Amino acid sequence: MKIIRTMMREEDTFYGAKLQVTSDSAFRSLRAFIMREQIKLHIDRKSNNSKIARP
């Protein structure tokens, strides 16, 4: 994996990476794992923000 881009925001830092995987099935598995983790993080942040916004 090679980091090809870094973007800093107010609270977070985002990274763009280039993956070099020889096997298509390994690449799909890795992409699926990354996507699952990103979705979990998004849902957690969204639920935490809604809890804060409510009185």
PDB file of N, CA and C in Angstrom:
ATOM      1  N   MET A   1       0.848  -1.159   0.000  1.00  0.00           N
ATOM      2  CA  MET A   1       0.000   0.000   0.000  1.00  0.00           C
ATOM      3  C   MET A   1       0.897   1.226   0.000  1.00  0.00           C
ATOM      4  N   LYS A   2       0.519   2.205  -0.801  1.00  0.00           N
ATOM      5  CA  LYS A   2       1.300   3.435  -0.893  1.00  0.00           C
ATOM      6  C   LYS A   2       0.344   4.611  -0.694  1.00  0.00           C
ATOM      7  N   ILE A   3       0.650   5.486   0.261  1.00  0.00           N
ATOM      8  CA  ILE A   3      -0.158   6.685   0.489  1.00  0.00           C
ATOM      9  C   ILE A   3       0.156   7.664  -0.644  1.00  0.00           C
ATOM     10  N   ILE A   4      -0.887   8.060  -1.378  1.00  0.00           N
ATOM     11  CA  ILE A   4      -0.659   8.958  -2.509  1.00  0.00           C
ATOM     12  C   ILE A   4      -1.263  10.347  -2.295  1.00  0.00           C
ATOM     13  N   ARG A   5      -2.088  10.488  -1.228  1.00  0.00           N
ATOM     14  CA  ARG A   5      -2.711  11.782  -0.988  1.00  0.00           C
ATOM     15  C   ARG A   5      -3.048  11.899   0.492  1.00  0.00           C
ATOM     16  N   THR A   6      -2.872  13.093   1.041  1.00  0.00           N
ATOM     17  CA  THR A   6      -3.255  13.384   2.417  1.00  0.00           C
ATOM     18  C   THR A   6      -4.044  14.684   2.413  1.00  0.00           C
ATOM     19  N   MET A   7      -5.194  14.677   3.087  1.00  0.00           N
ATOM     20  CA  MET A   7      -6.027  15.873   3.156  1.00  0.00           C
ATOM     21  C   MET A   7      -6.414  16.092   4.617  1.00  0.00           C
ATOM     22  N   MET A   8      -6.035  17.237   5.144  1.00  0.00           N
ATOM     23  CA  MET A   8      -6.347  17.541   6.537  1.00  0.00           C
ATOM     24  C   MET A   8      -7.606  18.397   6.593  1.00  0.00           C
ATOM     25  N   ARG A   9      -8.503  17.997   7.478  1.00  0.00           N
ATOM     26  CA  ARG A   9      -9.733  18.754   7.736  1.00  0.00           C
ATOM     27  C   ARG A   9      -9.707  19.217   9.179  1.00  0.00           C
ATOM     28  N   GLU A  10     -10.764  19.880   9.627  1.00  0.00           N
ATOM     29  CA  GLU A  10     -10.806  20.420  10.984  1.00  0.00           C
ATOM     30  C   GLU A  10     -10.502  19.364  12.046  1.00  0.00           C
ATOM     31  N   GLU A  11     -11.213  18.252  11.990  1.00  0.00           N
ATOM     32  CA  GLU A  11     -11.087  17.240  13.038  1.00  0.00           C
ATOM     33  C   GLU A  11     -10.358  15.980  12.591  1.00  0.00           C
ATOM     34  N   ASP A  12     -10.236  15.762  11.296  1.00  0.00           N
ATOM     35  CA  ASP A  12      -9.711  14.496  10.798  1.00  0.00           C
ATOM     36  C   ASP A  12      -8.661  14.719   9.721  1.00  0.00           C
ATOM     37  N   THR A  13      -7.933  13.665   9.459  1.00  0.00           N
ATOM     38  CA  THR A  13      -7.017  13.618   8.326  1.00  0.00           C
ATOM     39  C   THR A  13      -7.444  12.455   7.445  1.00  0.00           C
ATOM     40  N   PHE A  14      -7.571  12.709   6.161  1.00  0.00           N
ATOM     41  CA  PHE A  14      -7.986  11.693   5.206  1.00  0.00           C
ATOM     42  C   PHE A  14      -6.788  11.321   4.334  1.00  0.00           C
ATOM     43  N   TYR A  15      -6.711  10.045   4.021  1.00  0.00           N
ATOM     44  CA  TYR A  15      -5.601   9.552   3.212  1.00  0.00           C
ATOM     45  C   TYR A  15      -6.133   8.835   1.979  1.00  0.00           C
ATOM     46  N   GLY A  16      -5.456   9.020   0.869  1.00  0.00           N
ATOM     47  CA  GLY A  16      -5.725   8.253  -0.335  1.00  0.00           C
ATOM     48  C   GLY A  16      -4.572   7.284  -0.515  1.00  0.00           C
ATOM     49  N   ALA A  17      -4.900   6.058  -0.807  1.00  0.00           N
ATOM     50  CA  ALA A  17      -3.853   5.046  -0.910  1.00  0.00           C
ATOM     51  C   ALA A  17      -3.998   4.264  -2.206  1.00  0.00           C
ATOM     52  N   LYS A  18      -2.895   3.789  -2.696  1.00  0.00           N
ATOM     53  CA  LYS A  18      -2.870   2.927  -3.874  1.00  0.00           C
ATOM     54  C   LYS A  18      -2.531   1.521  -3.396  1.00  0.00           C
ATOM     55  N   LEU A  19      -3.396   0.586  -3.712  1.00  0.00           N
ATOM     56  CA  LEU A  19      -3.194  -0.797  -3.295  1.00  0.00           C
ATOM     57  C   LEU A  19      -2.656  -1.606  -4.462  1.00  0.00           C
ATOM     58  N   GLN A  20      -1.647  -2.394  -4.195  1.00  0.00           N
ATOM     59  CA  GLN A  20      -1.111  -3.274  -5.214  1.00  0.00           C
ATOM     60  C   GLN A  20      -1.259  -4.707  -4.715  1.00  0.00           C
ATOM     61  N   VAL A  21      -2.308  -5.355  -5.197  1.00  0.00           N
ATOM     62  CA  VAL A  21      -2.609  -6.725  -4.801  1.00  0.00           C
ATOM     63  C   VAL A  21      -2.587  -7.575  -6.063  1.00  0.00           C
ATOM     64  N   THR A  22      -1.932  -8.705  -5.996  1.00  0.00           N
ATOM     65  CA  THR A  22      -1.783  -9.534  -7.194  1.00  0.00           C
ATOM     66  C   THR A  22      -3.042 -10.337  -7.506  1.00  0.00           C
ATOM     67  N   SER A  23      -3.789 -10.711  -6.491  1.00  0.00           N
ATOM     68  CA  SER A  23      -4.957 -11.560  -6.696  1.00  0.00           C
ATOM     69  C   SER A  23      -6.244 -10.725  -6.694  1.00  0.00           C
ATOM     70  N   ASP A  24      -7.125 -10.973  -7.658  1.00  0.00           N
ATOM     71  CA  ASP A  24      -8.404 -10.260  -7.711  1.00  0.00           C
ATOM     72  C   ASP A  24      -9.258 -10.547  -6.487  1.00  0.00           C
ATOM     73  N   SER A  25      -9.279 -11.785  -6.033  1.00  0.00           N
ATOM     74  CA  SER A  25     -10.108 -12.125  -4.870  1.00  0.00           C
ATOM     75  C   SER A  25      -9.565 -11.459  -3.603  1.00  0.00           C
ATOM     76  N   ALA A  26      -8.260 -11.371  -3.460  1.00  0.00           N
ATOM     77  CA  ALA A  26      -7.672 -10.698  -2.302  1.00  0.00           C
ATOM     78  C   ALA A  26      -7.985  -9.205  -2.343  1.00  0.00           C
ATOM     79  N   PHE A  27      -7.938  -8.623  -3.528  1.00  0.00           N
ATOM     80  CA  PHE A  27      -8.252  -7.209  -3.684  1.00  0.00           C
ATOM     81  C   PHE A  27      -9.705  -6.938  -3.316  1.00  0.00           C
ATOM     82  N   ARG A  28     -10.627  -7.761  -3.786  1.00  0.00           N
ATOM     83  CA  ARG A  28     -12.050  -7.592  -3.457  1.00  0.00           C
ATOM     84  C   ARG A  28     -12.285  -7.725  -1.953  1.00  0.00           C
ATOM     85  N   SER A  29     -11.640  -8.700  -1.332  1.00  0.00           N
ATOM     86  CA  SER A  29     -11.786  -8.884   0.115  1.00  0.00           C
ATOM     87  C   SER A  29     -11.273  -7.672   0.878  1.00  0.00           C
ATOM     88  N   LEU A  30     -10.153  -7.153   0.473  1.00  0.00           N
ATOM     89  CA  LEU A  30      -9.582  -5.986   1.132  1.00  0.00           C
ATOM     90  C   LEU A  30     -10.471  -4.762   0.954  1.00  0.00           C
ATOM     91  N   ARG A  31     -10.959  -4.552  -0.255  1.00  0.00           N
ATOM     92  CA  ARG A  31     -11.870  -3.426  -0.507  1.00  0.00           C
ATOM     93  C   ARG A  31     -13.139  -3.549   0.319  1.00  0.00           C
ATOM     94  N   ALA A  32     -13.688  -4.750   0.419  1.00  0.00           N
ATOM     95  CA  ALA A  32     -14.903  -4.976   1.205  1.00  0.00           C
ATOM     96  C   ALA A  32     -14.655  -4.666   2.681  1.00  0.00           C
ATOM     97  N   PHE A  33     -13.513  -5.097   3.202  1.00  0.00           N
ATOM     98  CA  PHE A  33     -13.167  -4.812   4.591  1.00  0.00           C
ATOM     99  C   PHE A  33     -13.071  -3.306   4.832  1.00  0.00           C
ATOM    100  N   ILE A  34     -12.369  -2.616   3.955  1.00  0.00           N
ATOM    101  CA  ILE A  34     -12.209  -1.165   4.103  1.00  0.00           C
ATOM    102  C   ILE A  34     -13.563  -0.477   4.046  1.00  0.00           C
ATOM    103  N   MET A  35     -14.406  -0.874   3.121  1.00  0.00           N
ATOM    104  CA  MET A  35     -15.723  -0.257   2.995  1.00  0.00           C
ATOM    105  C   MET A  35     -16.572  -0.503   4.245  1.00  0.00           C
ATOM    106  N   ARG A  36     -16.545  -1.735   4.776  1.00  0.00           N
ATOM    107  CA  ARG A  36     -17.293  -2.034   6.006  1.00  0.00           C
ATOM    108  C   ARG A  36     -16.847  -1.134   7.155  1.00  0.00           C
ATOM    109  N   GLU A  37     -15.539  -0.982   7.296  1.00  0.00           N
ATOM    110  CA  GLU A  37     -15.013  -0.142   8.378  1.00  0.00           C
ATOM    111  C   GLU A  37     -15.402   1.321   8.189  1.00  0.00           C
ATOM    112  N   GLN A  38     -15.378   1.806   6.951  1.00  0.00           N
ATOM    113  CA  GLN A  38     -15.772   3.187   6.685  1.00  0.00           C
ATOM    114  C   GLN A  38     -17.250   3.398   6.985  1.00  0.00           C
ATOM    115  N   ILE A  39     -18.081   2.434   6.638  1.00  0.00           N
ATOM    116  CA  ILE A  39     -19.516   2.540   6.907  1.00  0.00           C
ATOM    117  C   ILE A  39     -19.775   2.532   8.409  1.00  0.00           C
ATOM    118  N   LYS A  40     -19.102   1.641   9.144  1.00  0.00           N
ATOM    119  CA  LYS A  40     -19.255   1.618  10.601  1.00  0.00           C
ATOM    120  C   LYS A  40     -18.873   2.964  11.213  1.00  0.00           C
ATOM    121  N   LEU A  41     -17.760   3.515  10.768  1.00  0.00           N
ATOM    122  CA  LEU A  41     -17.301   4.801  11.281  1.00  0.00           C
ATOM    123  C   LEU A  41     -18.309   5.901  10.969  1.00  0.00           C
ATOM    124  N   HIS A  42     -18.828   5.905   9.764  1.00  0.00           N
ATOM    125  CA  HIS A  42     -19.820   6.904   9.357  1.00  0.00           C
ATOM    126  C   HIS A  42     -21.080   6.807  10.222  1.00  0.00           C
ATOM    127  N   ILE A  43     -21.571   5.595  10.438  1.00  0.00           N
ATOM    128  CA  ILE A  43     -22.772   5.390  11.252  1.00  0.00           C
ATOM    129  C   ILE A  43     -22.520   5.818  12.688  1.00  0.00           C
ATOM    130  N   ASP A  44     -21.370   5.458  13.239  1.00  0.00           N
ATOM    131  CA  ASP A  44     -21.041   5.863  14.608  1.00  0.00           C
ATOM    132  C   ASP A  44     -20.993   7.383  14.749  1.00  0.00           C
ATOM    133  N   ARG A  45     -20.356   8.031  13.815  1.00  0.00           N
ATOM    134  CA  ARG A  45     -20.269   9.499  13.866  1.00  0.00           C
ATOM    135  C   ARG A  45     -21.637  10.132  13.731  1.00  0.00           C
ATOM    136  N   LYS A  46     -22.431   9.593  12.830  1.00  0.00           N
ATOM    137  CA  LYS A  46     -23.767  10.144  12.609  1.00  0.00           C
ATOM    138  C   LYS A  46     -24.626   9.977  13.859  1.00  0.00           C
ATOM    139  N   SER A  47     -24.575   8.806  14.502  1.00  0.00           N
ATOM    140  CA  SER A  47     -25.382   8.589  15.699  1.00  0.00           C
ATOM    141  C   SER A  47     -24.871   9.449  16.863  1.00  0.00           C
ATOM    142  N   ASN A  48     -23.568   9.639  16.970  1.00  0.00           N
ATOM    143  CA  ASN A  48     -23.024  10.503  18.022  1.00  0.00           C
ATOM    144  C   ASN A  48     -23.426  11.958  17.801  1.00  0.00           C
ATOM    145  N   ASN A  49     -23.436  12.406  16.559  1.00  0.00           N
ATOM    146  CA  ASN A  49     -23.848  13.776  16.260  1.00  0.00           C
ATOM    147  C   ASN A  49     -25.317  13.988  16.558  1.00  0.00           C
ATOM    148  N   SER A  50     -26.161  13.010  16.272  1.00  0.00           N
ATOM    149  CA  SER A  50     -27.590  13.154  16.529  1.00  0.00           C
ATOM    150  C   SER A  50     -27.864  13.148  18.030  1.00  0.00           C
ATOM    151  N   LYS A  51     -27.077  12.394  18.812  1.00  0.00           N
ATOM    152  CA  LYS A  51     -27.236  12.391  20.262  1.00  0.00           C
ATOM    153  C   LYS A  51     -26.845  13.737  20.852  1.00  0.00           C
ATOM    154  N   ILE A  52     -25.830  14.345  20.303  1.00  0.00           N
ATOM    155  CA  ILE A  52     -25.383  15.648  20.790  1.00  0.00           C
ATOM    156  C   ILE A  52     -26.396  16.737  20.447  1.00  0.00           C
ATOM    157  N   ALA A  53     -26.994  16.654  19.261  1.00  0.00           N
ATOM    158  CA  ALA A  53     -27.916  17.676  18.787  1.00  0.00           C
ATOM    159  C   ALA A  53     -29.243  17.657  19.545  1.00  0.00           C
ATOM    160  N   ARG A  54     -29.626  16.516  20.070  1.00  0.00           N
ATOM    161  CA  ARG A  54     -30.901  16.415  20.786  1.00  0.00           C
ATOM    162  C   ARG A  54     -30.743  16.892  22.222  1.00  0.00           C
ATOM    163  N   PRO A  55     -31.777  17.590  22.734  1.00  0.00           N
ATOM    164  CA  PRO A  55     -31.707  18.071  24.128  1.00  0.00           C
ATOM    165  C   PRO A  55     -31.851  16.942  25.124  1.00  0.00           C
TER     166      PRO A  55
END
